Amino acid sequence: MRFIFLLFLYLIAFVSQAKNPRVAIVIDDIGYRYTDEAVLSLTGNYTFSILPHTPYGKTIAEQAFAKDHDVLLHIPMEAENGKKLGPGALTTAMDETSIRHSLANSFAEIPFAIGINNHMGSRLTQMPQPMTWTMRFLKERNMLFLDSVTSSKSQAGSIAKALQVPTLTRSVFLDNQLDEKYIRQQFFTLIKRAQQNNSAIAIAHPHPETIKALKQLTPILKAINIELVPISQLFEPQHTLTTTLVGE
């Protein structure tokens, strides 16, 4: 009871004057574990971002699409720390032809994906040339780009805008720590950002702890008149959001 009372006071403290704030919650890193399918048990307009060419990615993507969820491709991009990238990755060693071929193969596997967000990418997203090639590919196919913001020096979003690719930026990572208290605090940060900006975007991952927390927390949005929407509903011209950099 004490927790519920404190939660109520916390929410009241952030009541917004904004009209109908909206949030999108993107679950990415999907595809390597059969347990990732648990994301489909979430109720609401979640967006799912699928790692290309993974054992379970295509199947989960097809099930999500059948349930009318927005589906993105979670494209691995080279990181400064040299982490292993996996299939479908974009690296600094690739020329434009290689990048386009890799992206085309990823979309061929999941053709109903509406765009991409970057998996890792703290190095590649800082580099104008590969990002220009990537955004040209998306522009030609009327695709969307969500910058996961794994580097404070990312140029991906600005290049996307310059090439008129619909683009948005991640506001909050929900589960960098798999701790109930941390996820709850990040969720309240998401609420605050939505109330300040009239919209906000969270990225989370298909961990059991995250799925459990979201099932408990998501109903709060409706209770305080914030709408959970597919990511595609937030792609508007010159849309800007406050972001906080948190790791890869």
C-alpha atoms as a PDB file:
ATOM      1  CA  MET A   1       0.000   0.000   0.000  1.00  0.00           C
ATOM      2  CA  ARG A   2       2.793   2.401   0.850  1.00  0.00           C
ATOM      3  CA  PHE A   3       4.376   1.840  -2.592  1.00  0.00           C
ATOM      4  CA  ILE A   4       1.051   2.489  -4.357  1.00  0.00           C
ATOM      5  CA  PHE A   5       0.539   5.683  -2.360  1.00  0.00           C
ATOM      6  CA  LEU A   6       4.057   6.919  -3.160  1.00  0.00           C
ATOM      7  CA  LEU A   7       3.563   6.026  -6.807  1.00  0.00           C
ATOM      8  CA  PHE A   8       0.335   8.043  -6.861  1.00  0.00           C
ATOM      9  CA  LEU A   9       2.099  11.061  -5.370  1.00  0.00           C
ATOM     10  CA  TYR A  10       4.930  10.704  -7.884  1.00  0.00           C
ATOM     11  CA  LEU A  11       2.560  10.656 -10.819  1.00  0.00           C
ATOM     12  CA  ILE A  12       0.580  13.621  -9.549  1.00  0.00           C
ATOM     13  CA  ALA A  13       3.838  15.567  -9.328  1.00  0.00           C
ATOM     14  CA  PHE A  14       4.329  15.131 -13.066  1.00  0.00           C
ATOM     15  CA  VAL A  15       0.817  15.852 -14.306  1.00  0.00           C
ATOM     16  CA  SER A  16       1.289  17.675 -17.588  1.00  0.00           C
ATOM     17  CA  GLN A  17      -0.533  20.512 -19.237  1.00  0.00           C
ATOM     18  CA  ALA A  18       0.386  19.048 -22.626  1.00  0.00           C
ATOM     19  CA  LYS A  19      -2.458  17.739 -24.743  1.00  0.00           C
ATOM     20  CA  ASN A  20      -2.541  13.961 -25.162  1.00  0.00           C
ATOM     21  CA  PRO A  21       1.154  13.133 -24.750  1.00  0.00           C
ATOM     22  CA  ARG A  22       2.295  10.031 -26.639  1.00  0.00           C
ATOM     23  CA  VAL A  23       5.045   7.500 -26.075  1.00  0.00           C
ATOM     24  CA  ALA A  24       6.508   4.746 -28.212  1.00  0.00           C
ATOM     25  CA  ILE A  25       8.248   1.795 -26.582  1.00  0.00           C
ATOM     26  CA  VAL A  26      10.599  -0.109 -28.876  1.00  0.00           C
ATOM     27  CA  ILE A  27      11.722  -3.581 -27.860  1.00  0.00           C
ATOM     28  CA  ASP A  28      14.914  -4.396 -29.761  1.00  0.00           C
ATOM     29  CA  ASP A  29      17.694  -7.016 -29.651  1.00  0.00           C
ATOM     30  CA  ILE A  30      15.071  -9.579 -30.700  1.00  0.00           C
ATOM     31  CA  GLY A  31      16.041 -12.750 -32.514  1.00  0.00           C
ATOM     32  CA  TYR A  32      18.745 -14.835 -30.869  1.00  0.00           C
ATOM     33  CA  ARG A  33      16.713 -16.524 -28.102  1.00  0.00           C
ATOM     34  CA  TYR A  34      13.488 -18.479 -28.418  1.00  0.00           C
ATOM     35  CA  THR A  35      12.372 -16.795 -25.185  1.00  0.00           C
ATOM     36  CA  ASP A  36      12.308 -13.468 -27.076  1.00  0.00           C
ATOM     37  CA  GLU A  37       8.866 -14.557 -28.283  1.00  0.00           C
ATOM     38  CA  ALA A  38       7.581 -13.507 -24.851  1.00  0.00           C
ATOM     39  CA  VAL A  39       7.496  -9.914 -26.110  1.00  0.00           C
ATOM     40  CA  LEU A  40       4.346 -10.866 -28.025  1.00  0.00           C
ATOM     41  CA  SER A  41       2.539 -11.309 -24.705  1.00  0.00           C
ATOM     42  CA  LEU A  42       2.772  -7.561 -24.073  1.00  0.00           C
ATOM     43  CA  THR A  43      -0.532  -5.743 -24.475  1.00  0.00           C
ATOM     44  CA  GLY A  44      -0.552  -2.468 -26.378  1.00  0.00           C
ATOM     45  CA  ASN A  45       1.034  -0.730 -29.346  1.00  0.00           C
ATOM     46  CA  TYR A  46       4.599  -1.829 -28.768  1.00  0.00           C
ATOM     47  CA  THR A  47       7.131  -1.624 -31.584  1.00  0.00           C
ATOM     48  CA  PHE A  48       9.502  -4.540 -32.165  1.00  0.00           C
ATOM     49  CA  SER A  49      12.972  -4.219 -33.710  1.00  0.00           C
ATOM     50  CA  ILE A  50      14.459  -7.440 -35.053  1.00  0.00           C
ATOM     51  CA  LEU A  51      18.115  -8.376 -35.425  1.00  0.00           C
ATOM     52  CA  PRO A  52      18.571  -9.587 -39.027  1.00  0.00           C
ATOM     53  CA  HIS A  53      19.389 -13.182 -39.939  1.00  0.00           C
ATOM     54  CA  THR A  54      18.937 -14.528 -36.410  1.00  0.00           C
ATOM     55  CA  PRO A  55      17.462 -17.921 -35.444  1.00  0.00           C
ATOM     56  CA  TYR A  56      14.118 -16.603 -34.187  1.00  0.00           C
ATOM     57  CA  GLY A  57      13.962 -13.082 -35.617  1.00  0.00           C
ATOM     58  CA  LYS A  58      11.934 -13.729 -38.747  1.00  0.00           C
ATOM     59  CA  THR A  59       9.327 -15.871 -36.968  1.00  0.00           C
ATOM     60  CA  ILE A  60       8.806 -13.327 -34.191  1.00  0.00           C
ATOM     61  CA  ALA A  61       8.674 -10.497 -36.739  1.00  0.00           C
ATOM     62  CA  GLU A  62       5.974 -12.290 -38.717  1.00  0.00           C
ATOM     63  CA  GLN A  63       3.902 -12.885 -35.590  1.00  0.00           C
ATOM     64  CA  ALA A  64       4.287  -9.250 -34.529  1.00  0.00           C
ATOM     65  CA  PHE A  65       3.297  -8.032 -37.989  1.00  0.00           C
ATOM     66  CA  ALA A  66       0.244 -10.313 -37.950  1.00  0.00           C
ATOM     67  CA  LYS A  67      -0.811  -8.582 -34.727  1.00  0.00           C
ATOM     68  CA  ASP A  68      -0.449  -5.149 -36.407  1.00  0.00           C
ATOM     69  CA  HIS A  69       2.678  -4.094 -34.542  1.00  0.00           C
ATOM     70  CA  ASP A  70       5.229  -1.818 -36.182  1.00  0.00           C
ATOM     71  CA  VAL A  71       8.372  -3.799 -37.016  1.00  0.00           C
ATOM     72  CA  LEU A  72      11.849  -2.311 -37.448  1.00  0.00           C
ATOM     73  CA  LEU A  73      15.167  -3.890 -38.342  1.00  0.00           C
ATOM     74  CA  HIS A  74      17.769  -3.566 -35.592  1.00  0.00           C
ATOM     75  CA  ILE A  75      20.827  -3.191 -37.800  1.00  0.00           C
ATOM     76  CA  PRO A  76      24.186  -3.931 -36.124  1.00  0.00           C
ATOM     77  CA  MET A  77      26.704  -1.141 -36.647  1.00  0.00           C
ATOM     78  CA  GLU A  78      30.364  -0.977 -35.735  1.00  0.00           C
ATOM     79  CA  ALA A  79      31.086   0.051 -32.149  1.00  0.00           C
ATOM     80  CA  GLU A  80      34.107   1.797 -30.682  1.00  0.00           C
ATOM     81  CA  ASN A  81      34.660  -1.072 -28.252  1.00  0.00           C
ATOM     82  CA  GLY A  82      35.026  -3.634 -31.045  1.00  0.00           C
ATOM     83  CA  LYS A  83      32.162  -5.870 -29.884  1.00  0.00           C
ATOM     84  CA  LYS A  84      31.135  -8.726 -32.163  1.00  0.00           C
ATOM     85  CA  LEU A  85      28.360  -7.492 -34.456  1.00  0.00           C
ATOM     86  CA  GLY A  86      26.655 -10.552 -35.914  1.00  0.00           C
ATOM     87  CA  PRO A  87      25.030 -10.983 -39.340  1.00  0.00           C
ATOM     88  CA  GLY A  88      23.718  -8.026 -41.312  1.00  0.00           C
ATOM     89  CA  ALA A  89      26.243  -5.659 -39.756  1.00  0.00           C
ATOM     90  CA  LEU A  90      27.517  -2.406 -41.239  1.00  0.00           C
ATOM     91  CA  THR A  91      31.180  -1.547 -40.671  1.00  0.00           C
ATOM     92  CA  THR A  92      33.724   1.119 -41.543  1.00  0.00           C
ATOM     93  CA  ALA A  93      35.421  -1.329 -43.921  1.00  0.00           C
ATOM     94  CA  MET A  94      32.371  -1.423 -46.212  1.00  0.00           C
ATOM     95  CA  ASP A  95      31.869   0.719 -49.289  1.00  0.00           C
ATOM     96  CA  GLU A  96      28.485   2.001 -50.476  1.00  0.00           C
ATOM     97  CA  THR A  97      27.785  -1.072 -52.590  1.00  0.00           C
ATOM     98  CA  SER A  98      28.463  -3.381 -49.638  1.00  0.00           C
ATOM     99  CA  ILE A  99      26.275  -1.367 -47.290  1.00  0.00           C
ATOM    100  CA  ARG A 100      23.403  -1.286 -49.739  1.00  0.00           C
ATOM    101  CA  HIS A 101      23.722  -5.017 -50.422  1.00  0.00           C
ATOM    102  CA  SER A 102      23.717  -5.836 -46.700  1.00  0.00           C
ATOM    103  CA  LEU A 103      20.662  -3.668 -46.009  1.00  0.00           C
ATOM    104  CA  ALA A 104      18.834  -5.100 -49.010  1.00  0.00           C
ATOM    105  CA  ASN A 105      19.424  -8.634 -47.735  1.00  0.00           C
ATOM    106  CA  SER A 106      18.129  -7.717 -44.285  1.00  0.00           C
ATOM    107  CA  PHE A 107      14.944  -6.193 -45.707  1.00  0.00           C
ATOM    108  CA  ALA A 108      14.494  -9.162 -48.043  1.00  0.00           C
ATOM    109  CA  GLU A 109      14.188 -11.370 -44.959  1.00  0.00           C
ATOM    110  CA  ILE A 110      11.650  -9.063 -43.259  1.00  0.00           C
ATOM    111  CA  PRO A 111      10.121  -7.030 -46.122  1.00  0.00           C
ATOM    112  CA  PHE A 112       7.358  -5.480 -44.003  1.00  0.00           C
ATOM    113  CA  ALA A 113       9.829  -3.681 -41.720  1.00  0.00           C
ATOM    114  CA  ILE A 114       9.188   0.063 -41.895  1.00  0.00           C
ATOM    115  CA  GLY A 115      12.713   1.206 -41.115  1.00  0.00           C
ATOM    116  CA  ILE A 116      15.743   0.656 -38.911  1.00  0.00           C
ATOM    117  CA  ASN A 117      17.359   1.566 -35.636  1.00  0.00           C
ATOM    118  CA  ASN A 118      21.017   0.958 -34.882  1.00  0.00           C
ATOM    119  CA  HIS A 119      22.310  -1.898 -32.736  1.00  0.00           C
ATOM    120  CA  MET A 120      25.486  -0.610 -31.084  1.00  0.00           C
ATOM    121  CA  GLY A 121      27.059   1.723 -33.695  1.00  0.00           C
ATOM    122  CA  SER A 122      28.983   4.089 -31.446  1.00  0.00           C
ATOM    123  CA  ARG A 123      31.711   4.291 -34.102  1.00  0.00           C
ATOM    124  CA  LEU A 124      29.799   4.020 -37.368  1.00  0.00           C
ATOM    125  CA  THR A 125      27.102   6.564 -36.481  1.00  0.00           C
ATOM    126  CA  GLN A 126      29.807   9.198 -36.032  1.00  0.00           C
ATOM    127  CA  MET A 127      31.008   8.775 -39.623  1.00  0.00           C
ATOM    128  CA  PRO A 128      29.326  10.933 -42.290  1.00  0.00           C
ATOM    129  CA  GLN A 129      30.071   8.796 -45.347  1.00  0.00           C
ATOM    130  CA  PRO A 130      28.600   5.425 -44.254  1.00  0.00           C
ATOM    131  CA  MET A 131      25.680   7.195 -42.635  1.00  0.00           C
ATOM    132  CA  THR A 132      24.999   9.068 -45.889  1.00  0.00           C
ATOM    133  CA  TRP A 133      25.008   5.784 -47.813  1.00  0.00           C
ATOM    134  CA  THR A 134      22.665   4.229 -45.257  1.00  0.00           C
ATOM    135  CA  MET A 135      20.227   7.127 -45.331  1.00  0.00           C
ATOM    136  CA  ARG A 136      20.194   7.235 -49.132  1.00  0.00           C
ATOM    137  CA  PHE A 137      19.136   3.587 -49.111  1.00  0.00           C
ATOM    138  CA  LEU A 138      16.323   4.337 -46.641  1.00  0.00           C
ATOM    139  CA  LYS A 139      15.219   7.427 -48.564  1.00  0.00           C
ATOM    140  CA  GLU A 140      14.875   5.478 -51.812  1.00  0.00           C
ATOM    141  CA  ARG A 141      12.593   2.975 -50.091  1.00  0.00           C
ATOM    142  CA  ASN A 142      10.572   5.440 -47.982  1.00  0.00           C
ATOM    143  CA  MET A 143      11.932   3.907 -44.781  1.00  0.00           C
ATOM    144  CA  LEU A 144      12.257   5.422 -41.304  1.00  0.00           C
ATOM    145  CA  PHE A 145      15.286   5.839 -39.046  1.00  0.00           C
ATOM    146  CA  LEU A 146      15.373   5.770 -35.249  1.00  0.00           C
ATOM    147  CA  ASP A 147      18.711   6.786 -33.741  1.00  0.00           C
ATOM    148  CA  SER A 148      19.377   4.618 -30.691  1.00  0.00           C
ATOM    149  CA  VAL A 149      21.957   7.221 -29.564  1.00  0.00           C
ATOM    150  CA  THR A 150      24.858   5.006 -28.554  1.00  0.00           C
ATOM    151  CA  SER A 151      27.252   7.909 -29.083  1.00  0.00           C
ATOM    152  CA  SER A 152      26.875  11.536 -28.093  1.00  0.00           C
ATOM    153  CA  LYS A 153      28.711  12.316 -31.356  1.00  0.00           C
ATOM    154  CA  SER A 154      26.235  10.474 -33.564  1.00  0.00           C
ATOM    155  CA  GLN A 155      25.683  12.182 -36.901  1.00  0.00           C
ATOM    156  CA  ALA A 156      23.095   9.676 -38.083  1.00  0.00           C
ATOM    157  CA  GLY A 157      20.055  11.748 -37.184  1.00  0.00           C
ATOM    158  CA  SER A 158      21.323  14.993 -38.692  1.00  0.00           C
ATOM    159  CA  ILE A 159      22.312  13.242 -41.930  1.00  0.00           C
ATOM    160  CA  ALA A 160      18.915  11.536 -42.088  1.00  0.00           C
ATOM    161  CA  LYS A 161      17.186  14.895 -41.712  1.00  0.00           C
ATOM    162  CA  ALA A 162      19.414  16.479 -44.352  1.00  0.00           C
ATOM    163  CA  LEU A 163      18.399  13.732 -46.786  1.00  0.00           C
ATOM    164  CA  GLN A 164      14.741  14.040 -45.722  1.00  0.00           C
ATOM    165  CA  VAL A 165      14.573  10.598 -44.166  1.00  0.00           C
ATOM    166  CA  PRO A 166      11.911  10.564 -41.404  1.00  0.00           C
ATOM    167  CA  THR A 167      13.947  10.330 -38.209  1.00  0.00           C
ATOM    168  CA  LEU A 168      13.535  10.318 -34.455  1.00  0.00           C
ATOM    169  CA  THR A 169      15.842   9.902 -31.489  1.00  0.00           C
ATOM    170  CA  ARG A 170      15.628   7.586 -28.527  1.00  0.00           C
ATOM    171  CA  SER A 171      14.776   9.403 -25.298  1.00  0.00           C
ATOM    172  CA  VAL A 172      15.295   6.751 -22.604  1.00  0.00           C
ATOM    173  CA  PHE A 173      16.786   3.278 -22.216  1.00  0.00           C
ATOM    174  CA  LEU A 174      14.514   1.436 -19.796  1.00  0.00           C
ATOM    175  CA  ASP A 175      16.590  -1.550 -18.754  1.00  0.00           C
ATOM    176  CA  ASN A 176      20.332  -0.945 -18.838  1.00  0.00           C
ATOM    177  CA  GLN A 177      20.125  -2.407 -15.351  1.00  0.00           C
ATOM    178  CA  LEU A 178      17.928  -5.462 -14.835  1.00  0.00           C
ATOM    179  CA  ASP A 179      16.570  -4.200 -11.579  1.00  0.00           C
ATOM    180  CA  GLU A 180      12.899  -3.541 -10.837  1.00  0.00           C
ATOM    181  CA  LYS A 181      13.589  -0.230  -9.127  1.00  0.00           C
ATOM    182  CA  TYR A 182      15.803   0.989 -11.970  1.00  0.00           C
ATOM    183  CA  ILE A 183      13.306   0.042 -14.688  1.00  0.00           C
ATOM    184  CA  ARG A 184      10.523   1.759 -12.740  1.00  0.00           C
ATOM    185  CA  GLN A 185      12.602   4.933 -12.378  1.00  0.00           C
ATOM    186  CA  GLN A 186      13.395   4.944 -16.094  1.00  0.00           C
ATOM    187  CA  PHE A 187       9.724   4.450 -16.898  1.00  0.00           C
ATOM    188  CA  PHE A 188       8.856   7.504 -14.812  1.00  0.00           C
ATOM    189  CA  THR A 189      11.587   9.423 -16.675  1.00  0.00           C
ATOM    190  CA  LEU A 190       9.865   8.397 -19.916  1.00  0.00           C
ATOM    191  CA  ILE A 191       6.585   9.785 -18.559  1.00  0.00           C
ATOM    192  CA  LYS A 192       8.258  13.053 -17.610  1.00  0.00           C
ATOM    193  CA  ARG A 193       9.861  13.425 -21.054  1.00  0.00           C
ATOM    194  CA  ALA A 194       6.531  12.774 -22.751  1.00  0.00           C
ATOM    195  CA  GLN A 195       4.821  15.384 -20.633  1.00  0.00           C
ATOM    196  CA  GLN A 196       7.577  17.921 -21.316  1.00  0.00           C
ATOM    197  CA  ASN A 197       7.808  17.314 -25.082  1.00  0.00           C
ATOM    198  CA  ASN A 198       4.348  15.889 -25.799  1.00  0.00           C
ATOM    199  CA  SER A 199       6.047  12.652 -26.883  1.00  0.00           C
ATOM    200  CA  ALA A 200       8.969  10.414 -25.998  1.00  0.00           C
ATOM    201  CA  ILE A 201      10.589   7.171 -27.110  1.00  0.00           C
ATOM    202  CA  ALA A 202      11.921   4.374 -24.930  1.00  0.00           C
ATOM    203  CA  ILE A 203      14.080   1.445 -25.969  1.00  0.00           C
ATOM    204  CA  ALA A 204      13.975  -1.767 -23.968  1.00  0.00           C
ATOM    205  CA  HIS A 205      15.026  -5.383 -24.467  1.00  0.00           C
ATOM    206  CA  PRO A 206      13.324  -8.786 -24.331  1.00  0.00           C
ATOM    207  CA  HIS A 207      14.543  -9.703 -20.846  1.00  0.00           C
ATOM    208  CA  PRO A 208      12.062 -11.511 -18.582  1.00  0.00           C
ATOM    209  CA  GLU A 209      12.573  -8.816 -15.949  1.00  0.00           C
ATOM    210  CA  THR A 210      11.726  -6.090 -18.471  1.00  0.00           C
ATOM    211  CA  ILE A 211       8.621  -7.830 -19.780  1.00  0.00           C
ATOM    212  CA  LYS A 212       7.339  -8.390 -16.246  1.00  0.00           C
ATOM    213  CA  ALA A 213       7.952  -4.740 -15.341  1.00  0.00           C
ATOM    214  CA  LEU A 214       6.271  -3.415 -18.490  1.00  0.00           C
ATOM    215  CA  LYS A 215       3.163  -5.480 -17.848  1.00  0.00           C
ATOM    216  CA  GLN A 216       2.897  -3.778 -14.463  1.00  0.00           C
ATOM    217  CA  LEU A 217       3.851  -0.271 -15.575  1.00  0.00           C
ATOM    218  CA  THR A 218       2.180   0.202 -18.963  1.00  0.00           C
ATOM    219  CA  PRO A 219      -1.359   0.591 -17.532  1.00  0.00           C
ATOM    220  CA  ILE A 220      -0.106   3.715 -15.745  1.00  0.00           C
ATOM    221  CA  LEU A 221       0.110   5.494 -19.111  1.00  0.00           C
ATOM    222  CA  LYS A 222      -3.601   5.226 -19.778  1.00  0.00           C
ATOM    223  CA  ALA A 223      -4.389   6.224 -16.199  1.00  0.00           C
ATOM    224  CA  ILE A 224      -2.595   9.556 -16.671  1.00  0.00           C
ATOM    225  CA  ASN A 225      -3.812  10.142 -20.246  1.00  0.00           C
ATOM    226  CA  ILE A 226      -0.610   9.240 -22.088  1.00  0.00           C
ATOM    227  CA  GLU A 227      -1.087   7.164 -25.221  1.00  0.00           C
ATOM    228  CA  LEU A 228       1.179   4.262 -26.145  1.00  0.00           C
ATOM    229  CA  VAL A 229       1.540   4.444 -29.924  1.00  0.00           C
ATOM    230  CA  PRO A 230       3.430   2.620 -32.686  1.00  0.00           C
ATOM    231  CA  ILE A 231       6.708   4.317 -33.547  1.00  0.00           C
ATOM    232  CA  SER A 232       5.369   5.284 -36.984  1.00  0.00           C
ATOM    233  CA  GLN A 233       2.864   7.655 -35.390  1.00  0.00           C
ATOM    234  CA  LEU A 234       5.667   9.805 -33.977  1.00  0.00           C
ATOM    235  CA  PHE A 235       7.499  10.390 -37.238  1.00  0.00           C
ATOM    236  CA  GLU A 236       6.575  13.968 -37.980  1.00  0.00           C
ATOM    237  CA  PRO A 237       8.556  16.694 -39.770  1.00  0.00           C
ATOM    238  CA  GLN A 238      11.233  18.396 -37.653  1.00  0.00           C
ATOM    239  CA  HIS A 239      10.253  16.418 -34.562  1.00  0.00           C
ATOM    240  CA  THR A 240      12.813  16.794 -31.757  1.00  0.00           C
ATOM    241  CA  LEU A 241      13.121  15.038 -28.412  1.00  0.00           C
ATOM    242  CA  THR A 242      15.338  15.330 -25.352  1.00  0.00           C
ATOM    243  CA  THR A 243      17.739  12.391 -25.067  1.00  0.00           C
ATOM    244  CA  THR A 244      20.135  10.944 -22.537  1.00  0.00           C
ATOM    245  CA  LEU A 245      23.179   8.976 -23.714  1.00  0.00           C
ATOM    246  CA  VAL A 246      23.552   5.562 -22.101  1.00  0.00           C
ATOM    247  CA  GLY A 247      26.177   3.151 -23.413  1.00  0.00           C
ATOM    248  CA  GLU A 248      25.875   0.654 -26.251  1.00  0.00           C
END
